[in-house]
Protein backbone atom coordinates (compact mmCIF):
# COMPACT_ATOMS: atom_id res chain seq x y z
CA MET A 1 21.67 -69.59 -0.86
CA SER A 2 19.99 -66.61 -1.66
CA GLY A 3 17.83 -66.67 -5.12
CA ASN A 4 19.50 -63.04 -6.04
CA VAL A 5 23.32 -63.43 -6.18
CA SER A 6 25.54 -61.35 -7.86
CA SER A 7 27.95 -61.94 -10.26
CA PHE A 8 30.90 -61.03 -7.72
CA SER A 9 28.90 -63.22 -5.19
CA MET A 10 29.56 -66.19 -7.28
CA GLU A 11 33.29 -65.16 -7.84
CA VAL A 12 33.72 -65.58 -4.04
CA LYS A 13 32.31 -68.55 -3.16
CA ASP A 14 33.93 -70.13 -6.23
CA GLU A 15 37.14 -69.56 -4.47
CA LEU A 16 36.36 -70.53 -1.24
CA LEU A 17 35.07 -74.25 -2.48
CA LYS A 18 38.62 -74.64 -4.18
CA ASN A 19 40.55 -75.42 -1.15
CA THR A 20 40.20 -78.42 1.44
CA PRO A 21 41.49 -78.24 4.46
CA LYS A 22 44.34 -80.24 5.46
CA ALA A 23 43.46 -80.51 8.98
CA ARG A 24 40.51 -83.53 9.63
CA HIS A 25 38.61 -81.54 12.18
CA CYS A 26 38.59 -78.32 9.98
CA ALA A 27 37.06 -80.70 7.37
CA ILE A 28 34.71 -81.69 9.61
CA ALA A 29 33.59 -78.57 10.13
CA GLN A 30 33.23 -78.13 7.11
CA THR A 31 31.25 -81.19 6.00
CA ALA A 32 28.83 -80.12 8.80
CA VAL A 33 27.96 -76.82 7.49
CA ILE A 34 27.04 -78.62 4.18
CA ILE A 35 25.09 -81.07 6.03
CA ALA A 36 23.36 -78.37 7.70
CA GLY A 37 22.81 -76.35 4.62
CA ALA A 38 21.69 -79.18 2.45
CA GLY A 39 21.71 -82.86 4.27
CA ARG A 40 18.82 -85.10 4.68
CA ILE A 41 19.00 -87.32 6.82
CA THR A 42 16.80 -90.47 6.40
CA PRO A 43 16.14 -93.90 8.31
CA ASP A 44 18.86 -95.72 6.44
CA SER A 45 21.50 -93.14 4.46
CA LEU A 46 22.61 -89.38 4.22
CA ILE A 47 21.92 -87.43 1.04
CA VAL A 48 23.22 -83.74 0.44
CA GLU A 49 21.52 -82.56 -2.71
CA THR A 50 22.84 -79.44 -4.36
CA ASP A 51 22.43 -77.22 -7.52
CA ASN A 52 25.29 -76.34 -7.58
CA VAL A 53 28.12 -78.87 -8.89
CA ARG A 54 30.97 -77.34 -7.21
CA ILE A 55 29.36 -77.60 -3.43
CA LYS A 56 28.99 -81.68 -5.28
CA GLU A 57 32.49 -81.66 -6.07
CA LYS A 58 33.40 -80.22 -2.66
CA TYR A 59 31.98 -82.81 -0.78
CA PHE A 60 32.81 -85.77 -2.87
CA THR A 61 36.18 -84.06 -2.11
CA LEU A 62 35.72 -83.79 2.20
CA LEU A 63 33.68 -87.61 1.77
CA LYS A 64 36.92 -89.28 0.15
CA LYS A 65 39.87 -87.68 2.28
CA THR A 66 38.27 -86.96 5.20
CA PHE A 67 35.75 -90.36 5.84
CA ASN A 68 37.59 -92.16 2.69
CA ILE A 69 33.66 -92.42 1.35
CA ASN A 70 33.67 -93.26 -2.26
CA VAL A 71 30.49 -92.54 -3.39
CA ASP A 72 28.15 -91.91 -6.99
CA ALA A 73 25.97 -88.39 -6.92
CA PHE A 74 22.87 -88.64 -9.21
CA GLU A 75 21.02 -85.39 -11.23
CA GLU A 76 17.20 -85.26 -11.40
CA LYS A 77 15.41 -82.25 -11.84
CA GLY A 78 18.80 -80.14 -11.70
CA LEU A 79 19.76 -81.03 -8.08
CA PHE A 80 22.87 -82.90 -7.83
CA ALA A 81 22.40 -85.52 -4.84
CA VAL A 82 25.22 -87.14 -3.43
CA PRO A 83 23.88 -90.46 -1.49
CA VAL A 84 25.68 -92.14 1.84
CA THR A 85 23.72 -95.30 2.53
CA GLN A 86 26.20 -97.52 4.11
CA GLN A 87 24.57 -97.73 7.81
CA ASP A 88 28.00 -98.03 9.07
CA LYS A 89 29.44 -94.93 7.02
CA VAL A 90 26.44 -92.95 7.99
CA LEU A 91 26.91 -93.84 11.53
CA GLU A 92 30.20 -92.79 11.15
CA ILE A 93 29.45 -88.53 9.22
CA LEU A 94 26.89 -88.16 12.17
CA GLN A 95 28.78 -88.86 14.68
CA ALA A 96 31.78 -86.49 13.51
CA VAL A 97 29.14 -83.37 13.02
CA LYS A 98 27.96 -84.02 16.13
CA ILE A 99 24.22 -85.24 14.77
CA LEU A 100 24.34 -88.17 16.61
CA ASP A 101 26.62 -88.75 19.97
CA ALA A 102 28.83 -91.44 20.43
CA LYS A 103 26.04 -94.06 21.83
CA GLY A 104 24.18 -93.33 18.36
CA MET A 105 21.46 -91.01 19.92
CA PRO A 106 20.28 -87.99 18.19
CA ASN A 107 21.53 -84.87 19.30
CA TYR A 108 20.03 -81.24 19.72
CA TYR A 109 19.90 -80.27 16.00
CA LYS A 110 18.61 -77.36 13.83
CA GLY A 111 20.48 -76.76 11.04
CA ILE A 112 23.73 -74.95 12.95
CA ILE A 113 26.85 -77.04 13.77
CA PRO A 114 27.17 -77.39 16.96
CA ASP A 115 29.66 -75.13 18.45
CA VAL A 116 32.43 -77.60 19.98
CA LEU A 117 33.15 -78.34 15.62
CA ILE A 118 34.92 -74.38 15.52
CA LYS A 119 36.00 -74.15 19.04
CA SER A 120 39.76 -73.36 17.41
CA GLY A 121 40.26 -70.48 15.25
CA CYS A 122 41.23 -72.32 12.47
CA CYS A 123 38.25 -74.20 12.28
CA LYS A 124 36.15 -71.21 12.87
CA ARG A 125 37.63 -69.32 9.44
CA GLU A 126 36.94 -73.06 7.95
CA PHE A 127 32.84 -72.14 9.21
CA LEU A 128 32.51 -69.27 7.87
CA LYS A 129 33.66 -70.39 4.39
CA CYS A 130 30.96 -72.85 4.04
CA ALA A 131 28.51 -70.35 5.41
CA PHE A 132 29.27 -68.00 3.37
CA VAL A 133 29.03 -70.60 0.48
CA PHE A 134 25.20 -71.36 1.44
CA PHE A 135 23.81 -68.27 3.36
CA GLY A 136 25.72 -64.87 2.42
CA THR A 137 26.08 -63.26 -0.75
CA ILE A 138 27.84 -60.07 -1.07
CA ASN A 139 27.58 -56.63 -3.81
CA SER A 140 30.40 -55.49 -5.98
CA PRO A 141 31.55 -52.97 -4.68
CA GLU A 142 30.32 -50.63 -7.93
CA LYS A 143 26.84 -51.39 -6.59
CA GLY A 144 27.54 -50.44 -2.98
CA ALA A 145 29.42 -52.04 0.42
CA HIS A 146 26.84 -54.85 1.49
CA LEU A 147 27.86 -58.64 2.61
CA GLU A 148 25.01 -60.59 4.51
CA PHE A 149 23.98 -63.86 6.04
CA PHE A 150 20.56 -65.39 5.51
CA CYS A 151 19.61 -67.44 8.51
CA SER A 152 16.26 -69.48 9.11
CA ASN A 153 16.50 -68.72 12.77
CA GLU A 154 18.04 -67.08 15.16
CA GLU A 155 20.47 -69.03 16.57
CA HIS A 156 21.37 -69.94 13.24
CA ALA A 157 22.83 -66.08 12.91
CA ASN A 158 23.68 -65.72 16.80
CA GLN A 159 26.18 -68.10 15.50
CA ILE A 160 27.45 -66.80 12.85
CA PHE A 161 27.98 -63.07 14.62
CA LYS A 162 29.92 -64.82 17.20
CA THR A 163 32.25 -66.24 15.12
CA LEU A 164 32.84 -62.98 13.00
CA GLU A 165 32.95 -61.30 16.53
CA TYR A 166 36.14 -63.93 17.34
CA PHE A 167 37.79 -61.83 14.11
CA ASN A 168 37.08 -58.42 15.08
CA ILE A 169 34.33 -58.13 12.56
CA LYS A 170 31.81 -56.46 13.66
CA ALA A 171 28.43 -57.32 12.77
CA LYS A 172 25.15 -56.17 12.79
CA LYS A 173 21.02 -58.37 12.71
CA THR A 174 18.02 -57.61 11.65
CA THR A 175 14.79 -59.51 10.45
CA ARG A 176 13.69 -59.51 6.95
CA ARG A 177 9.82 -61.43 5.90
CA LYS A 178 11.28 -64.86 7.90
CA TYR A 179 14.73 -64.48 7.88
CA HIS A 180 17.15 -63.50 10.58
CA VAL A 181 20.29 -61.79 8.54
CA VAL A 182 23.52 -60.74 9.64
CA TYR A 183 25.02 -58.13 7.86
CA LEU A 184 28.28 -55.99 7.20
CA LYS A 185 27.97 -52.62 5.55
CA ASP A 186 31.05 -51.12 6.11
CA THR A 187 33.75 -51.54 2.94
CA GLU A 188 36.65 -52.31 5.20
CA GLN A 189 35.41 -54.72 7.69
CA ILE A 190 33.95 -56.33 4.22
CA ALA A 191 37.70 -56.16 3.32
CA ASP A 192 38.76 -58.13 6.23
CA PHE A 193 35.81 -60.47 5.95
CA LEU A 194 37.22 -61.33 3.12
CA ARG A 195 41.05 -61.88 4.07
CA VAL A 196 39.77 -63.80 7.34
CA VAL A 197 37.96 -66.64 4.97
CA GLU A 198 41.60 -66.63 2.50
CA ALA A 199 39.63 -65.30 -0.49
CA ASN A 200 42.89 -63.35 -1.79
CA VAL A 201 41.73 -63.50 -5.57
CA ALA A 202 38.18 -61.73 -4.73
CA THR A 203 39.95 -59.78 -1.87
CA MET A 204 41.94 -57.90 -4.47
CA LYS A 205 39.84 -57.20 -7.04
CA TYR A 206 37.50 -55.66 -4.27
CA GLU A 207 40.05 -53.53 -2.86
CA GLU A 208 40.52 -52.74 -6.79
CA LYS A 209 37.16 -51.66 -7.64
CA LEU A 210 36.74 -49.21 -4.61
CA ILE A 211 39.86 -48.06 -5.09
CA TYR A 212 38.35 -47.37 -8.77
CA ARG A 213 35.06 -45.51 -6.78
CA GLU A 214 36.81 -44.03 -4.72
CA ILE A 215 38.43 -42.12 -7.83
CA ARG A 216 35.25 -42.00 -9.47
CA ASN A 217 33.56 -40.20 -7.00
CA GLN A 218 36.65 -37.91 -6.55
CA ILE A 219 36.03 -36.58 -9.87
CA ASN A 220 32.46 -36.67 -9.52
CA ARG A 221 32.72 -34.17 -6.71
CA THR A 222 35.37 -31.77 -8.14
CA ASN A 223 33.35 -31.71 -11.45
CA ASN A 224 30.00 -30.97 -9.15
CA CYS A 225 32.66 -28.69 -7.35
CA GLU A 226 33.54 -26.89 -10.86
CA VAL A 227 29.99 -26.60 -12.17
CA ALA A 228 29.00 -24.91 -8.91
CA ASN A 229 31.79 -22.48 -9.08
CA SER A 230 30.55 -21.94 -12.65
CA GLN A 231 27.29 -21.15 -12.07
CA LYS A 232 28.58 -18.58 -9.05
CA LEU A 233 30.75 -16.71 -11.54
CA ILE A 234 28.22 -16.53 -14.17
CA ASP A 235 24.83 -15.61 -11.38
CA ALA A 236 27.82 -12.99 -10.62
CA ALA A 237 28.96 -11.27 -13.94
CA GLN A 238 24.74 -11.60 -15.21
CA LYS A 239 24.20 -9.22 -11.40
CA GLN A 240 27.36 -6.85 -12.35
CA ILE A 241 25.73 -6.66 -16.06
CA LYS A 242 22.12 -5.81 -14.76
CA ASP A 243 23.73 -3.16 -12.52
CA ILE A 244 25.57 -1.63 -15.27
CA ASN A 245 23.03 -1.29 -17.25
CA TYR A 246 20.69 -0.21 -14.96
CA LEU A 247 23.22 3.08 -14.22
CA ASN A 248 23.39 3.12 -18.00
CA GLU A 249 19.74 3.97 -18.22
CA CYS A 250 19.10 6.45 -15.28
CA ILE A 251 22.32 8.03 -14.91
CA GLY A 252 24.69 7.41 -18.15
CA LEU A 253 27.36 6.01 -17.53
CA SER A 254 29.46 8.60 -18.83
CA ASN A 255 28.84 9.95 -15.61
CA LEU A 256 30.11 7.67 -13.43
CA PRO A 257 34.35 8.24 -11.99
CA GLU A 258 36.86 6.81 -14.86
CA THR A 259 37.45 4.09 -12.22
CA LEU A 260 33.96 2.84 -12.44
CA GLN A 261 34.22 3.00 -16.58
CA GLY A 262 36.31 1.19 -17.27
CA VAL A 263 35.38 -2.22 -15.89
CA ALA A 264 31.58 -1.72 -16.92
CA LEU A 265 32.30 -1.73 -20.17
CA ALA A 266 34.95 -3.84 -19.76
CA ARG A 267 32.56 -6.27 -17.78
CA LEU A 268 29.66 -5.46 -20.81
CA GLU A 269 32.40 -6.73 -23.75
CA ASN A 270 33.54 -10.11 -21.73
CA PRO A 271 30.29 -10.92 -19.59
CA ASP A 272 31.61 -14.98 -19.79
CA VAL A 273 34.71 -13.93 -17.78
CA GLY A 274 35.31 -14.53 -13.39
CA LEU A 275 37.20 -11.33 -12.02
CA GLN A 276 40.81 -12.46 -13.00
CA GLU A 277 40.92 -12.51 -16.33
CA LEU A 278 38.38 -9.84 -16.36
CA GLY A 279 41.27 -7.61 -14.55
CA ARG A 280 44.34 -9.19 -17.26
CA LEU A 281 41.73 -7.81 -19.99
CA MET A 282 41.92 -3.96 -19.10
CA LYS A 283 44.65 -1.26 -19.39
CA PRO A 284 45.91 -1.09 -17.28
CA PRO A 285 45.48 -4.16 -16.40
CA LEU A 286 44.19 -4.47 -12.76
CA GLY A 287 44.09 -6.98 -10.10
CA LYS A 288 40.75 -9.73 -8.75
CA SER A 289 41.01 -7.69 -5.68
CA GLY A 290 41.53 -4.00 -7.61
CA VAL A 291 38.15 -5.60 -9.88
CA ASN A 292 36.19 -7.00 -7.02
CA HIS A 293 36.34 -3.49 -4.74
CA ARG A 294 34.80 -1.66 -8.41
CA MET A 295 32.58 -4.44 -9.01
CA ARG A 296 31.36 -3.34 -5.33
CA LYS A 297 30.86 -0.02 -5.99
CA ILE A 298 29.10 -0.21 -9.06
CA SER A 299 26.30 -2.54 -7.30
CA GLU A 300 26.09 0.02 -4.24
CA LEU A 301 25.67 2.82 -7.22
CA ALA A 302 23.01 0.58 -8.58
CA GLU A 303 21.26 -0.16 -5.53
CA GLN A 304 20.98 3.57 -4.47
CA GLN A 305 19.74 4.70 -7.71
CA ARG A 306 17.12 2.31 -7.28
CA ALA A 307 16.53 3.20 -3.88
CA LYS A 308 15.31 6.98 -5.10
CA ASN A 309 13.29 5.57 -8.11
CA ALA A 310 11.30 3.78 -5.88
């Protein structure tokens, strides 16, 4: 598993590891992924090593329910090792997961599970559950939508990619350092993945966080819009005051038409209000369009005066 795993990733993985499939063929698909992800085959044993106690417990359960095998685990240097040493049992497991054929001869094996084990939709689902546990990671929505599988070879990445495609989940592929990466960056597709692997609690949390993020973004957009509008109001008022003061210096406000004198004095006395509020403060009150019209006339007169004085 990737060393940089978010807390939300761990919540998803813990949920996926809690349940063991009832059908034997689905359990074999999960066993195959665990062996592919953490197995070590020696001449006389099959050992699964993991630092995750839930994976150890999951493997115990699969061995017991699927193969009627009871084993003891030991811990060394932070790893749990689960060995199967009975030759007939080792052979049974390796043949079940298709690492060995019916005659006990090795099949082609490259850390991925044979496609024959995931022919049915239910087995594909169980495959994705365990594949995510070993090779996947997911961001919490607050940090941006992103789900990835880190695969050591292209064949493994293609297998995950095609399995996702079976469930109408459109992933993308890339390479990053030594890894082949299968990833999703669409929030709806990630939610679909969580539903496919039956991470029901994680799905609810994910969708709740998506809603929260959308509300937060909407609030931010509204605030940004309000700030922008406020700045526009301030800039417009400052321009109007500048024009009024210029006309006062050049010709005196008393020489303006009476209708313009009133709005000019109201603006100087109320530099921080919008046009609608400015109109309400005038006597008699004036509508926003009327105030705007008179301010434009003041601006035109100021520009004409500047042109004369240029």
